[in-house]
Amino acid sequence: MIEIKNLKFGYRKNQNVLDGVDLSLEPGRIVGLLGKNGVGKTTLMQLMSGVLFPTQGTVTVLGREPRKREAECLSQLFMLPEEMPEVHLSIDKYMKINAPFYPDFSETDFVEYLREWEITDLRQSLAKLSLGTRKKVFIAFAFAANTPLLVLDEPTNGLDIPSKTVLRKLLRIKASENRLIVVSTHQVRDIKNILDAVVILDDTHVLLNADVERICDKLYFGIADGSENPDEVLYSEPSVAGTQIVRPNRGGEECDVDVELLFNAAFNAKQKIMELFNK
């Protein structure tokens, strides 16, 4: 689905945001793209979507390069930006103008997804809607486009708790073996239970790229019981239930991935994490 090789990109000469990135992402997954502020998550997503062009290296989506801006490629991907544009059109007019660019767009799906958020009047002007409601409309359109690649940049920003629940429901609905969904967010708790894989960016490169099963094979997430070797603990933090820890999974112990703990462990013990996952 997505193949990235030796990718370099910078907004200024000799100052790369991404430098030598190699990344392969297959369909059939919801991938969480994580990293600290300013690390290049949005930049990478824009490179995937053809909004930005590589300084060096290649990005291919379904065998085509988004940078070439070919209709055959762009019609198969949809990127939802973090900032919602101010569009002076009604909801139904916006749909009629933009839907033809996506051959598998479904008006039925669009209306159904809007109803999940109790938006039923498609004659409303988008410019007069609140930021949160406008975002729901654009998310519904993104899902209804039914593209093989769906890229979502901070989709939970501006949504209240019930709306985030609907978003998670729609993500599960849209997940399929033929679709890749890439989600970037700082609000890890909003999507942690629906991710199939995690990519963590750090200092111009990929620190971690692994599916949930492999993460569980390599790492154990749990509550400290006093039997663990302190030297093996990669990260720990207090909680109501006790001290939460991340350590190597030496005995094939079953556990659930805690994405927040994984993120903190990755930056607390970078070298050890990289050694574990590069074996």
Protein backbone atom coordinates (compact mmCIF):
# COMPACT_ATOMS: atom_id res chain seq x y z
CA MET A 1 0.00 0.00 0.00
CA ILE A 2 2.59 2.59 1.15
CA GLU A 3 6.29 2.20 0.45
CA ILE A 4 8.68 4.92 1.57
CA LYS A 5 12.37 4.65 0.75
CA ASN A 6 15.24 6.92 1.85
CA LEU A 7 12.80 9.80 2.30
CA LYS A 8 14.23 13.21 3.04
CA PHE A 9 12.31 16.44 3.42
CA GLY A 10 13.02 19.85 4.87
CA TYR A 11 11.34 23.23 4.81
CA ARG A 12 14.76 24.89 4.89
CA LYS A 13 17.96 24.05 3.08
CA ASN A 14 20.22 21.65 5.03
CA GLN A 15 17.61 21.31 7.80
CA ASN A 16 15.62 18.13 7.30
CA VAL A 17 12.43 17.34 9.20
CA LEU A 18 12.63 13.79 7.90
CA ASP A 19 15.96 12.24 6.96
CA GLY A 20 16.42 8.78 5.43
CA VAL A 21 12.99 7.45 6.41
CA ASP A 22 12.17 3.91 5.29
CA LEU A 23 8.64 2.75 6.01
CA SER A 24 6.30 0.08 4.69
CA LEU A 25 2.60 0.00 5.60
CA GLU A 26 0.22 -2.70 4.41
CA PRO A 27 -3.59 -2.59 4.02
CA GLY A 28 -5.89 -4.17 6.56
CA ARG A 29 -4.65 -2.05 9.46
CA ILE A 30 -5.41 1.01 11.51
CA VAL A 31 -1.99 2.51 12.19
CA GLY A 32 -1.31 5.04 14.93
CA LEU A 33 1.33 7.59 13.90
CA LEU A 34 2.85 9.00 17.09
CA GLY A 35 5.63 11.41 18.01
CA LYS A 36 6.39 14.56 19.94
CA ASN A 37 5.31 17.99 18.73
CA GLY A 38 7.21 19.15 15.67
CA VAL A 39 8.72 15.76 14.88
CA GLY A 40 7.20 15.60 11.39
CA LYS A 41 3.98 13.58 11.70
CA THR A 42 1.88 15.99 9.66
CA THR A 43 4.72 16.45 7.19
CA LEU A 44 4.93 12.69 6.64
CA MET A 45 1.17 12.44 6.14
CA GLN A 46 1.26 15.27 3.62
CA LEU A 47 4.05 13.49 1.75
CA MET A 48 1.93 10.32 1.70
CA SER A 49 -0.96 12.33 0.29
CA GLY A 50 0.88 14.33 -2.37
CA VAL A 51 0.46 17.68 -0.60
CA LEU A 52 4.25 17.93 -0.18
CA PHE A 53 6.99 16.54 -2.41
CA PRO A 54 10.10 14.66 -1.18
CA THR A 55 13.43 16.46 -1.26
CA GLN A 56 14.97 13.04 -1.84
CA GLY A 57 13.76 9.45 -1.93
CA THR A 58 10.37 8.09 -2.94
CA VAL A 59 6.85 7.70 -1.58
CA THR A 60 4.52 5.31 -3.40
CA VAL A 61 0.87 4.58 -2.69
CA LEU A 62 -0.67 1.61 -4.46
CA GLY A 63 2.35 1.61 -6.77
CA ARG A 64 2.00 5.29 -7.74
CA GLU A 65 3.83 8.41 -6.56
CA PRO A 66 1.47 10.98 -4.98
CA ARG A 67 3.89 13.78 -5.85
CA LYS A 68 2.99 13.34 -9.53
CA ARG A 69 -0.59 14.42 -8.68
CA GLU A 70 -2.14 11.82 -11.01
CA ALA A 71 -5.91 11.53 -10.76
CA GLU A 72 -5.64 7.73 -10.63
CA CYS A 73 -3.58 8.06 -7.45
CA LEU A 74 -5.27 10.98 -5.70
CA SER A 75 -8.72 9.46 -6.16
CA GLN A 76 -7.58 6.46 -4.11
CA LEU A 77 -6.47 8.40 -1.04
CA PHE A 78 -8.02 10.94 1.28
CA MET A 79 -6.25 13.08 3.85
CA LEU A 80 -8.24 14.87 6.52
CA PRO A 81 -6.15 17.78 7.88
CA GLU A 82 -6.16 18.89 11.49
CA GLU A 83 -7.41 22.38 10.64
CA MET A 84 -10.85 22.42 9.05
CA PRO A 85 -11.23 24.82 6.10
CA GLU A 86 -13.93 27.49 6.19
CA VAL A 87 -16.16 26.54 3.28
CA HIS A 88 -19.05 28.81 2.25
CA LEU A 89 -21.24 26.03 0.91
CA SER A 90 -24.11 23.99 2.26
CA ILE A 91 -23.32 20.42 3.29
CA ASP A 92 -25.14 18.91 0.31
CA LYS A 93 -23.52 21.35 -2.15
CA TYR A 94 -20.09 20.53 -0.76
CA MET A 95 -20.82 16.83 -1.26
CA LYS A 96 -22.06 17.27 -4.85
CA ILE A 97 -18.98 19.29 -5.84
CA ASN A 98 -16.36 17.04 -4.22
CA ALA A 99 -17.84 13.52 -4.37
CA PRO A 100 -17.10 13.03 -8.13
CA PHE A 101 -13.35 13.08 -7.38
CA TYR A 102 -13.74 9.78 -5.47
CA PRO A 103 -15.15 6.94 -7.61
CA ASP A 104 -16.32 4.89 -4.62
CA PHE A 105 -17.93 7.75 -2.73
CA SER A 106 -21.26 6.75 -1.17
CA GLU A 107 -23.91 9.36 -0.50
CA THR A 108 -25.79 6.75 1.52
CA ASP A 109 -22.77 6.26 3.76
CA PHE A 110 -22.27 10.01 4.08
CA VAL A 111 -25.84 10.60 5.26
CA GLU A 112 -25.66 7.61 7.63
CA TYR A 113 -22.40 8.80 9.22
CA LEU A 114 -23.81 12.31 9.67
CA ARG A 115 -26.83 10.82 11.43
CA GLU A 116 -24.49 9.13 13.89
CA TRP A 117 -23.67 12.68 14.99
CA GLU A 118 -27.30 13.78 14.76
CA ILE A 119 -26.65 15.98 11.72
CA THR A 120 -29.70 15.62 9.47
CA ASP A 121 -30.14 18.97 7.70
CA LEU A 122 -27.78 18.95 4.72
CA ARG A 123 -28.90 22.42 3.68
CA GLN A 124 -26.95 24.00 6.53
CA SER A 125 -24.05 26.26 5.60
CA LEU A 126 -20.71 24.78 6.64
CA ALA A 127 -19.39 28.27 7.45
CA LYS A 128 -22.13 28.78 10.03
CA LEU A 129 -21.49 25.51 11.88
CA SER A 130 -19.39 25.29 15.03
CA LEU A 131 -15.84 24.01 14.60
CA GLY A 132 -16.74 20.66 16.16
CA THR A 133 -19.82 20.15 13.95
CA ARG A 134 -17.92 21.20 10.84
CA LYS A 135 -15.23 18.69 11.70
CA LYS A 136 -17.84 15.93 11.99
CA VAL A 137 -19.07 16.74 8.48
CA PHE A 138 -15.57 16.51 7.01
CA ILE A 139 -14.85 13.27 8.89
CA ALA A 140 -18.11 11.79 7.56
CA PHE A 141 -17.13 12.82 4.03
CA ALA A 142 -13.65 11.31 4.45
CA PHE A 143 -15.13 7.97 5.51
CA ALA A 144 -17.81 8.06 2.79
CA ALA A 145 -15.12 8.56 0.12
CA ASN A 146 -14.26 4.86 0.63
CA THR A 147 -10.67 5.27 -0.51
CA PRO A 148 -8.14 2.45 0.03
CA LEU A 149 -5.91 4.91 1.94
CA LEU A 150 -7.44 7.15 4.60
CA VAL A 151 -5.10 9.55 6.43
CA LEU A 152 -6.45 11.39 9.50
CA ASP A 153 -4.45 14.15 11.19
CA GLU A 154 -5.60 14.75 14.80
CA PRO A 155 -9.22 13.71 14.09
CA THR A 156 -10.29 13.86 17.77
CA ASN A 157 -9.34 17.52 18.26
CA GLY A 158 -12.48 19.58 18.77
CA LEU A 159 -14.72 16.56 19.45
CA ASP A 160 -16.50 15.99 22.75
CA ILE A 161 -16.54 12.59 24.48
CA PRO A 162 -19.72 11.23 22.80
CA SER A 163 -18.42 12.36 19.40
CA LYS A 164 -15.12 10.56 19.98
CA THR A 165 -17.10 7.40 20.71
CA VAL A 166 -18.83 7.75 17.33
CA LEU A 167 -15.45 8.32 15.65
CA ARG A 168 -14.08 5.08 17.10
CA LYS A 169 -17.21 3.27 15.91
CA LEU A 170 -16.78 4.60 12.38
CA LEU A 171 -13.10 3.67 12.35
CA ARG A 172 -14.04 0.09 13.19
CA ILE A 173 -16.70 0.12 10.47
CA LYS A 174 -14.27 1.39 7.83
CA ALA A 175 -11.45 -0.99 8.76
CA SER A 176 -11.11 -3.71 6.14
CA GLU A 177 -8.45 -5.97 4.65
CA ASN A 178 -8.25 -3.73 1.58
CA ARG A 179 -7.98 -0.40 3.40
CA LEU A 180 -5.15 1.28 5.30
CA ILE A 181 -6.07 3.93 7.85
CA VAL A 182 -3.29 6.11 9.27
CA VAL A 183 -4.23 8.18 12.32
CA SER A 184 -1.99 10.79 13.92
CA THR A 185 -2.97 12.03 17.37
CA HIS A 186 -1.64 13.43 20.62
CA GLN A 187 -4.72 12.07 22.37
CA VAL A 188 -3.57 8.45 22.44
CA ARG A 189 -6.31 7.38 24.83
CA ASP A 190 -8.93 8.27 22.21
CA ILE A 191 -7.83 5.53 19.81
CA LYS A 192 -5.56 3.16 21.74
CA ASN A 193 -7.98 0.22 21.74
CA ILE A 194 -8.53 0.16 17.97
CA LEU A 195 -4.96 0.30 16.67
CA ASP A 196 -3.49 -2.65 14.78
CA ALA A 197 0.00 -1.15 14.52
CA VAL A 198 2.06 1.75 15.83
CA VAL A 199 4.64 3.97 14.12
CA ILE A 200 6.67 6.31 16.34
CA LEU A 201 8.70 9.14 14.79
CA ASP A 202 11.70 10.63 16.53
CA ASP A 203 14.46 13.02 15.47
CA THR A 204 13.87 12.84 11.68
CA HIS A 205 13.51 9.04 11.55
CA VAL A 206 11.28 6.11 12.49
CA LEU A 207 11.96 4.90 16.01
CA LEU A 208 9.41 2.08 15.94
CA ASN A 209 7.16 0.42 13.37
CA ALA A 210 5.42 -2.70 14.63
CA ASP A 211 2.01 -4.31 14.77
CA VAL A 212 0.30 -4.92 18.09
CA GLU A 213 1.04 -8.66 18.09
CA ARG A 214 4.76 -8.07 17.67
CA ILE A 215 4.76 -5.40 20.36
CA CYS A 216 3.18 -7.91 22.76
CA ASP A 217 5.78 -10.51 21.79
CA LYS A 218 8.61 -8.11 22.59
CA LEU A 219 7.25 -6.10 25.53
CA TYR A 220 5.24 -6.78 28.67
CA PHE A 221 2.87 -4.12 30.04
CA GLY A 222 1.64 -4.64 33.58
CA ILE A 223 1.74 -3.78 37.28
CA ALA A 224 4.99 -4.24 39.18
CA ASP A 225 4.83 -7.14 41.68
CA GLY A 226 8.36 -6.91 43.07
CA SER A 227 9.71 -9.89 41.13
CA GLU A 228 10.99 -7.91 38.13
CA ASN A 229 14.63 -7.04 37.64
CA PRO A 230 14.89 -3.25 38.03
CA ASP A 231 17.58 -3.16 35.35
CA GLU A 232 15.13 -4.62 32.84
CA VAL A 233 12.34 -2.12 33.45
CA LEU A 234 12.26 0.20 30.45
CA TYR A 235 9.69 2.57 31.89
CA SER A 236 7.52 2.90 34.99
CA GLU A 237 4.94 5.29 36.34
CA PRO A 238 2.58 5.29 39.34
CA SER A 239 -1.12 4.58 38.94
CA VAL A 240 -4.14 3.89 41.16
CA ALA A 241 -3.64 0.16 40.66
CA GLY A 242 0.07 0.29 41.44
CA THR A 243 3.27 1.00 39.54
CA GLN A 244 2.79 0.40 35.83
CA ILE A 245 5.85 -0.95 34.05
CA VAL A 246 7.13 -1.81 30.60
CA ARG A 247 9.81 -4.47 30.36
CA PRO A 248 11.00 -7.05 27.82
CA ASN A 249 8.62 -9.98 27.49
CA ARG A 250 11.03 -12.85 28.10
CA GLY A 251 8.54 -15.65 28.72
CA GLY A 252 5.78 -15.05 26.19
CA GLU A 253 3.48 -13.57 28.83
CA GLU A 254 0.08 -12.43 27.64
CA CYS A 255 -0.69 -8.72 27.96
CA ASP A 256 -2.48 -5.84 26.28
CA VAL A 257 -0.51 -3.05 24.66
CA ASP A 258 -0.77 0.24 26.52
CA VAL A 259 0.05 2.76 23.80
CA GLU A 260 0.76 5.59 26.23
CA LEU A 261 3.23 3.46 28.18
CA LEU A 262 4.75 2.26 24.90
CA PHE A 263 5.26 5.84 23.76
CA ASN A 264 6.92 6.85 27.03
CA ALA A 265 9.08 3.71 27.09
CA ALA A 266 10.22 4.33 23.52
CA PHE A 267 11.62 7.74 24.49
CA ASN A 268 12.87 6.68 27.91
CA ALA A 269 14.87 3.74 26.57
CA LYS A 270 15.34 4.39 22.86
CA GLN A 271 18.39 2.23 22.31
CA LYS A 272 16.97 -0.79 24.16
CA ILE A 273 13.66 -0.51 22.29
CA MET A 274 15.44 -0.33 18.94
CA GLU A 275 17.61 -3.34 19.84
CA LEU A 276 14.57 -5.39 20.88
CA PHE A 277 12.64 -4.70 17.68
CA ASN A 278 15.58 -4.96 15.29
CA LYS A 279 16.43 -8.50 16.32
